[in-house]
């Protein structure tokens, strides 16, 4: 089962309440997303570490394609 854009935003906001996020449905199918996030806790982390933190927050959610942009 795919995750709706509203649920994706909710999951990310719960895990990273200290930041604004940008979520776009790239194909209009609740299956291809763009996510931009830059919480303070990413400071000093590599891109790989940042992405792992996001994927851990999304654990158990099915997303076919996630274009992820992170920064500190």
PDB file of N, CA and C in Angstrom:
ATOM      1  N   UNK A   1       0.844  -1.181   0.000  1.00  0.00           N
ATOM      2  CA  UNK A   1       0.000   0.000   0.000  1.00  0.00           C
ATOM      3  C   UNK A   1       0.889   1.245   0.000  1.00  0.00           C
ATOM      4  N   UNK A   2       0.587   2.157  -0.858  1.00  0.00           N
ATOM      5  CA  UNK A   2       1.384   3.386  -0.959  1.00  0.00           C
ATOM      6  C   UNK A   2       0.959   4.381   0.118  1.00  0.00           C
ATOM      7  N   UNK A   3       1.805   5.346   0.345  1.00  0.00           N
ATOM      8  CA  UNK A   3       1.547   6.356   1.367  1.00  0.00           C
ATOM      9  C   UNK A   3       1.056   7.649   0.697  1.00  0.00           C
ATOM     10  N   UNK A   4      -0.015   8.206   1.202  1.00  0.00           N
ATOM     11  CA  UNK A   4      -0.543   9.472   0.682  1.00  0.00           C
ATOM     12  C   UNK A   4       0.376  10.619   1.098  1.00  0.00           C
ATOM     13  N   UNK A   5       0.372  11.680   0.328  1.00  0.00           N
ATOM     14  CA  UNK A   5       1.244  12.832   0.592  1.00  0.00           C
ATOM     15  C   UNK A   5       0.986  13.413   1.985  1.00  0.00           C
ATOM     16  N   UNK A   6      -0.256  13.437   2.416  1.00  0.00           N
ATOM     17  CA  UNK A   6      -0.560  13.973   3.752  1.00  0.00           C
ATOM     18  C   UNK A   6       0.048  13.098   4.847  1.00  0.00           C
ATOM     19  N   UNK A   7       0.009  11.785   4.661  1.00  0.00           N
ATOM     20  CA  UNK A   7       0.586  10.857   5.637  1.00  0.00           C
ATOM     21  C   UNK A   7       2.107  10.968   5.638  1.00  0.00           C
ATOM     22  N   UNK A   8       2.704  11.112   4.455  1.00  0.00           N
ATOM     23  CA  UNK A   8       4.149  11.280   4.361  1.00  0.00           C
ATOM     24  C   UNK A   8       4.592  12.521   5.132  1.00  0.00           C
ATOM     25  N   UNK A   9       3.899  13.633   4.908  1.00  0.00           N
ATOM     26  CA  UNK A   9       4.212  14.862   5.632  1.00  0.00           C
ATOM     27  C   UNK A   9       4.051  14.704   7.130  1.00  0.00           C
ATOM     28  N   UNK A  10       3.009  13.996   7.541  1.00  0.00           N
ATOM     29  CA  UNK A  10       2.749  13.773   8.965  1.00  0.00           C
ATOM     30  C   UNK A  10       3.859  12.948   9.605  1.00  0.00           C
ATOM     31  N   UNK A  11       4.271  11.882   8.951  1.00  0.00           N
ATOM     32  CA  UNK A  11       5.333  11.021   9.483  1.00  0.00           C
ATOM     33  C   UNK A  11       6.635  11.807   9.627  1.00  0.00           C
ATOM     34  N   UNK A  12       6.976  12.585   8.620  1.00  0.00           N
ATOM     35  CA  UNK A  12       8.218  13.361   8.671  1.00  0.00           C
ATOM     36  C   UNK A  12       8.139  14.447   9.742  1.00  0.00           C
ATOM     37  N   UNK A  13       7.008  15.135   9.843  1.00  0.00           N
ATOM     38  CA  UNK A  13       6.866  16.190  10.864  1.00  0.00           C
ATOM     39  C   UNK A  13       6.938  15.626  12.282  1.00  0.00           C
ATOM     40  N   UNK A  14       6.431  14.421  12.488  1.00  0.00           N
ATOM     41  CA  UNK A  14       6.519  13.791  13.808  1.00  0.00           C
ATOM     42  C   UNK A  14       7.954  13.454  14.157  1.00  0.00           C
ATOM     43  N   UNK A  15       8.718  13.023  13.182  1.00  0.00           N
ATOM     44  CA  UNK A  15      10.107  12.642  13.423  1.00  0.00           C
ATOM     45  C   UNK A  15      11.064  13.831  13.451  1.00  0.00           C
ATOM     46  N   UNK A  16      10.700  14.894  12.734  1.00  0.00           N
ATOM     47  CA  UNK A  16      11.542  16.088  12.644  1.00  0.00           C
ATOM     48  C   UNK A  16      10.699  17.329  12.919  1.00  0.00           C
ATOM     49  N   UNK A  17      10.215  17.493  14.154  1.00  0.00           N
ATOM     50  CA  UNK A  17       9.313  18.612  14.457  1.00  0.00           C
ATOM     51  C   UNK A  17      10.000  19.984  14.447  1.00  0.00           C
ATOM     52  N   UNK A  18      11.314  19.984  14.422  1.00  0.00           N
ATOM     53  CA  UNK A  18      12.076  21.234  14.511  1.00  0.00           C
ATOM     54  C   UNK A  18      12.381  21.863  13.156  1.00  0.00           C
ATOM     55  N   UNK A  19      11.680  21.465  12.111  1.00  0.00           N
ATOM     56  CA  UNK A  19      12.004  21.982  10.782  1.00  0.00           C
ATOM     57  C   UNK A  19      10.782  22.085   9.889  1.00  0.00           C
ATOM     58  N   UNK A  20      10.892  22.929   8.894  1.00  0.00           N
ATOM     59  CA  UNK A  20       9.881  22.984   7.840  1.00  0.00           C
ATOM     60  C   UNK A  20      10.282  21.973   6.778  1.00  0.00           C
ATOM     61  N   UNK A  21       9.296  21.388   6.158  1.00  0.00           N
ATOM     62  CA  UNK A  21       9.569  20.449   5.082  1.00  0.00           C
ATOM     63  C   UNK A  21       8.797  20.878   3.838  1.00  0.00           C
ATOM     64  N   UNK A  22       9.265  20.391   2.722  1.00  0.00           N
ATOM     65  CA  UNK A  22       8.562  20.599   1.461  1.00  0.00           C
ATOM     66  C   UNK A  22       8.350  19.218   0.851  1.00  0.00           C
ATOM     67  N   UNK A  23       7.096  18.894   0.561  1.00  0.00           N
ATOM     68  CA  UNK A  23       6.766  17.604  -0.037  1.00  0.00           C
ATOM     69  C   UNK A  23       5.936  17.852  -1.286  1.00  0.00           C
ATOM     70  N   UNK A  24       6.342  17.257  -2.388  1.00  0.00           N
ATOM     71  CA  UNK A  24       5.587  17.345  -3.633  1.00  0.00           C
ATOM     72  C   UNK A  24       5.350  15.945  -4.176  1.00  0.00           C
ATOM     73  N   UNK A  25       4.163  15.725  -4.715  1.00  0.00           N
ATOM     74  CA  UNK A  25       3.839  14.486  -5.415  1.00  0.00           C
ATOM     75  C   UNK A  25       4.252  14.712  -6.871  1.00  0.00           C
ATOM     76  N   UNK A  26       5.308  14.064  -7.298  1.00  0.00           N
ATOM     77  CA  UNK A  26       5.889  14.329  -8.613  1.00  0.00           C
ATOM     78  C   UNK A  26       5.041  13.838  -9.781  1.00  0.00           C
ATOM     79  N   UNK A  27       4.240  12.792  -9.561  1.00  0.00           N
ATOM     80  CA  UNK A  27       3.488  12.203 -10.664  1.00  0.00           C
ATOM     81  C   UNK A  27       1.981  12.199 -10.431  1.00  0.00           C
ATOM     82  N   UNK A  28       1.543  12.702  -9.270  1.00  0.00           N
ATOM     83  CA  UNK A  28       0.120  12.717  -8.968  1.00  0.00           C
ATOM     84  C   UNK A  28      -0.453  11.351  -8.665  1.00  0.00           C
ATOM     85  N   UNK A  29       0.411  10.422  -8.243  1.00  0.00           N
ATOM     86  CA  UNK A  29      -0.042   9.048  -8.021  1.00  0.00           C
ATOM     87  C   UNK A  29       0.215   8.523  -6.602  1.00  0.00           C
ATOM     88  N   UNK A  30       0.572   9.414  -5.673  1.00  0.00           N
ATOM     89  CA  UNK A  30       0.895   9.001  -4.295  1.00  0.00           C
ATOM     90  C   UNK A  30       1.965   7.909  -4.270  1.00  0.00           C
ATOM     91  N   UNK A  31       2.918   7.996  -5.163  1.00  0.00           N
ATOM     92  CA  UNK A  31       3.945   6.963  -5.248  1.00  0.00           C
ATOM     93  C   UNK A  31       5.311   7.510  -5.652  1.00  0.00           C
ATOM     94  N   UNK A  32       5.373   8.758  -6.113  1.00  0.00           N
ATOM     95  CA  UNK A  32       6.618   9.386  -6.547  1.00  0.00           C
ATOM     96  C   UNK A  32       6.700  10.766  -5.893  1.00  0.00           C
ATOM     97  N   UNK A  33       7.613  10.908  -4.931  1.00  0.00           N
ATOM     98  CA  UNK A  33       7.663  12.130  -4.141  1.00  0.00           C
ATOM     99  C   UNK A  33       9.016  12.829  -4.202  1.00  0.00           C
ATOM    100  N   UNK A  34       8.959  14.121  -3.942  1.00  0.00           N
ATOM    101  CA  UNK A  34      10.136  14.955  -3.695  1.00  0.00           C
ATOM    102  C   UNK A  34       9.991  15.447  -2.257  1.00  0.00           C
ATOM    103  N   UNK A  35      11.035  15.297  -1.465  1.00  0.00           N
ATOM    104  CA  UNK A  35      11.029  15.741  -0.071  1.00  0.00           C
ATOM    105  C   UNK A  35      12.274  16.566   0.183  1.00  0.00           C
ATOM    106  N   UNK A  36      12.077  17.782   0.682  1.00  0.00           N
ATOM    107  CA  UNK A  36      13.188  18.661   1.057  1.00  0.00           C
ATOM    108  C   UNK A  36      13.078  18.908   2.554  1.00  0.00           C
ATOM    109  N   UNK A  37      14.177  18.687   3.267  1.00  0.00           N
ATOM    110  CA  UNK A  37      14.178  18.819   4.717  1.00  0.00           C
ATOM    111  C   UNK A  37      15.560  19.268   5.184  1.00  0.00           C
ATOM    112  N   UNK A  38      15.592  20.151   6.193  1.00  0.00           N
ATOM    113  CA  UNK A  38      16.865  20.666   6.708  1.00  0.00           C
ATOM    114  C   UNK A  38      16.773  20.937   8.215  1.00  0.00           C
ATOM    115  N   UNK A  39      16.575  19.910   9.026  1.00  0.00           N
ATOM    116  CA  UNK A  39      16.515  20.141  10.473  1.00  0.00           C
ATOM    117  C   UNK A  39      17.897  20.410  11.070  1.00  0.00           C
ATOM    118  N   UNK A  40      17.918  21.060  12.203  1.00  0.00           N
ATOM    119  CA  UNK A  40      19.179  21.384  12.873  1.00  0.00           C
ATOM    120  C   UNK A  40      19.975  20.134  13.232  1.00  0.00           C
ATOM    121  N   UNK A  41      19.294  19.032  13.502  1.00  0.00           N
ATOM    122  CA  UNK A  41      20.010  17.817  13.903  1.00  0.00           C
ATOM    123  C   UNK A  41      20.825  17.190  12.770  1.00  0.00           C
ATOM    124  N   UNK A  42      20.668  17.691  11.543  1.00  0.00           N
ATOM    125  CA  UNK A  42      21.481  17.224  10.428  1.00  0.00           C
ATOM    126  C   UNK A  42      22.861  17.871  10.435  1.00  0.00           C
ATOM    127  N   UNK A  43      23.044  18.930  11.226  1.00  0.00           N
ATOM    128  CA  UNK A  43      24.321  19.644  11.269  1.00  0.00           C
ATOM    129  C   UNK A  43      25.439  18.677  11.666  1.00  0.00           C
ATOM    130  N   UNK A  44      26.502  18.660  10.887  1.00  0.00           N
ATOM    131  CA  UNK A  44      27.640  17.798  11.168  1.00  0.00           C
ATOM    132  C   UNK A  44      27.498  16.384  10.642  1.00  0.00           C
ATOM    133  N   UNK A  45      26.371  16.067  10.043  1.00  0.00           N
ATOM    134  CA  UNK A  45      26.131  14.736   9.496  1.00  0.00           C
ATOM    135  C   UNK A  45      26.417  14.744   7.997  1.00  0.00           C
ATOM    136  N   UNK A  46      26.885  13.619   7.490  1.00  0.00           N
ATOM    137  CA  UNK A  46      27.082  13.482   6.052  1.00  0.00           C
ATOM    138  C   UNK A  46      25.721  13.328   5.371  1.00  0.00           C
ATOM    139  N   UNK A  47      25.695  13.504   4.061  1.00  0.00           N
ATOM    140  CA  UNK A  47      24.448  13.316   3.309  1.00  0.00           C
ATOM    141  C   UNK A  47      23.906  11.897   3.526  1.00  0.00           C
ATOM    142  N   UNK A  48      24.779  10.925   3.544  1.00  0.00           N
ATOM    143  CA  UNK A  48      24.345   9.544   3.753  1.00  0.00           C
ATOM    144  C   UNK A  48      23.696   9.398   5.121  1.00  0.00           C
ATOM    145  N   UNK A  49      24.298   9.965   6.157  1.00  0.00           N
ATOM    146  CA  UNK A  49      23.716   9.907   7.497  1.00  0.00           C
ATOM    147  C   UNK A  49      22.366  10.620   7.544  1.00  0.00           C
ATOM    148  N   UNK A  50      22.268  11.769   6.871  1.00  0.00           N
ATOM    149  CA  UNK A  50      21.008  12.508   6.830  1.00  0.00           C
ATOM    150  C   UNK A  50      19.924  11.674   6.161  1.00  0.00           C
ATOM    151  N   UNK A  51      20.247  11.068   5.035  1.00  0.00           N
ATOM    152  CA  UNK A  51      19.273  10.259   4.307  1.00  0.00           C
ATOM    153  C   UNK A  51      18.853   9.046   5.127  1.00  0.00           C
ATOM    154  N   UNK A  52      19.801   8.428   5.810  1.00  0.00           N
ATOM    155  CA  UNK A  52      19.467   7.288   6.664  1.00  0.00           C
ATOM    156  C   UNK A  52      18.493   7.687   7.764  1.00  0.00           C
ATOM    157  N   UNK A  53      18.650   8.883   8.305  1.00  0.00           N
ATOM    158  CA  UNK A  53      17.736   9.366   9.352  1.00  0.00           C
ATOM    159  C   UNK A  53      16.319   9.519   8.795  1.00  0.00           C
ATOM    160  N   UNK A  54      16.216  10.031   7.576  1.00  0.00           N
ATOM    161  CA  UNK A  54      14.897  10.192   6.951  1.00  0.00           C
ATOM    162  C   UNK A  54      14.291   8.825   6.663  1.00  0.00           C
ATOM    163  N   UNK A  55      15.073   7.919   6.084  1.00  0.00           N
ATOM    164  CA  UNK A  55      14.543   6.595   5.772  1.00  0.00           C
ATOM    165  C   UNK A  55      14.147   5.827   7.035  1.00  0.00           C
ATOM    166  N   UNK A  56      14.873   6.036   8.116  1.00  0.00           N
ATOM    167  CA  UNK A  56      14.490   5.394   9.376  1.00  0.00           C
ATOM    168  C   UNK A  56      13.127   5.920   9.837  1.00  0.00           C
ATOM    169  N   UNK A  57      12.895   7.211   9.683  1.00  0.00           N
ATOM    170  CA  UNK A  57      11.606   7.801  10.051  1.00  0.00           C
ATOM    171  C   UNK A  57      10.480   7.220   9.197  1.00  0.00           C
ATOM    172  N   UNK A  58      10.785   6.848   7.974  1.00  0.00           N
ATOM    173  CA  UNK A  58       9.784   6.317   7.043  1.00  0.00           C
ATOM    174  C   UNK A  58       9.683   4.788   7.087  1.00  0.00           C
ATOM    175  N   UNK A  59      10.390   4.172   8.004  1.00  0.00           N
ATOM    176  CA  UNK A  59      10.407   2.718   8.098  1.00  0.00           C
ATOM    177  C   UNK A  59       8.989   2.147   8.111  1.00  0.00           C
ATOM    178  N   UNK A  60       8.764   1.180   7.262  1.00  0.00           N
ATOM    179  CA  UNK A  60       7.457   0.539   7.189  1.00  0.00           C
ATOM    180  C   UNK A  60       6.506   1.184   6.189  1.00  0.00           C
ATOM    181  N   UNK A  61       6.890   2.316   5.620  1.00  0.00           N
ATOM    182  CA  UNK A  61       6.060   2.998   4.629  1.00  0.00           C
ATOM    183  C   UNK A  61       6.571   2.636   3.238  1.00  0.00           C
ATOM    184  N   UNK A  62       5.662   2.349   2.328  1.00  0.00           N
ATOM    185  CA  UNK A  62       6.066   2.027   0.963  1.00  0.00           C
ATOM    186  C   UNK A  62       6.012   3.271   0.093  1.00  0.00           C
ATOM    187  N   UNK A  63       7.154   3.606  -0.465  1.00  0.00           N
ATOM    188  CA  UNK A  63       7.260   4.718  -1.413  1.00  0.00           C
ATOM    189  C   UNK A  63       8.065   4.190  -2.585  1.00  0.00           C
ATOM    190  N   UNK A  64       7.493   4.224  -3.764  1.00  0.00           N
ATOM    191  CA  UNK A  64       8.174   3.714  -4.946  1.00  0.00           C
ATOM    192  C   UNK A  64       9.407   4.554  -5.268  1.00  0.00           C
ATOM    193  N   UNK A  65       9.227   5.872  -5.337  1.00  0.00           N
ATOM    194  CA  UNK A  65      10.324   6.779  -5.663  1.00  0.00           C
ATOM    195  C   UNK A  65      10.322   7.963  -4.702  1.00  0.00           C
ATOM    196  N   UNK A  66      11.470   8.242  -4.100  1.00  0.00           N
ATOM    197  CA  UNK A  66      11.613   9.396  -3.219  1.00  0.00           C
ATOM    198  C   UNK A  66      12.841  10.175  -3.638  1.00  0.00           C
ATOM    199  N   UNK A  67      12.614  11.348  -4.163  1.00  0.00           N
ATOM    200  CA  UNK A  67      13.718  12.265  -4.482  1.00  0.00           C
ATOM    201  C   UNK A  67      13.939  13.060  -3.198  1.00  0.00           C
ATOM    202  N   UNK A  68      15.062  12.870  -2.568  1.00  0.00           N
ATOM    203  CA  UNK A  68      15.323  13.418  -1.243  1.00  0.00           C
ATOM    204  C   UNK A  68      16.415  14.474  -1.300  1.00  0.00           C
ATOM    205  N   UNK A  69      16.100  15.664  -0.771  1.00  0.00           N
ATOM    206  CA  UNK A  69      17.067  16.746  -0.676  1.00  0.00           C
ATOM    207  C   UNK A  69      17.204  17.109   0.804  1.00  0.00           C
ATOM    208  N   UNK A  70      18.389  16.918   1.341  1.00  0.00           N
ATOM    209  CA  UNK A  70      18.636  17.227   2.746  1.00  0.00           C
ATOM    210  C   UNK A  70      19.775  18.223   2.864  1.00  0.00           C
ATOM    211  N   UNK A  71      19.761  18.969   3.959  1.00  0.00           N
ATOM    212  CA  UNK A  71      20.868  19.866   4.281  1.00  0.00           C
ATOM    213  C   UNK A  71      20.751  20.242   5.749  1.00  0.00           C
ATOM    214  N   UNK A  72      21.837  20.777   6.270  1.00  0.00           N
ATOM    215  CA  UNK A  72      21.850  21.184   7.674  1.00  0.00           C
ATOM    216  C   UNK A  72      21.643  22.664   7.802  1.00  0.00           C
TER     217      UNK A  72
END
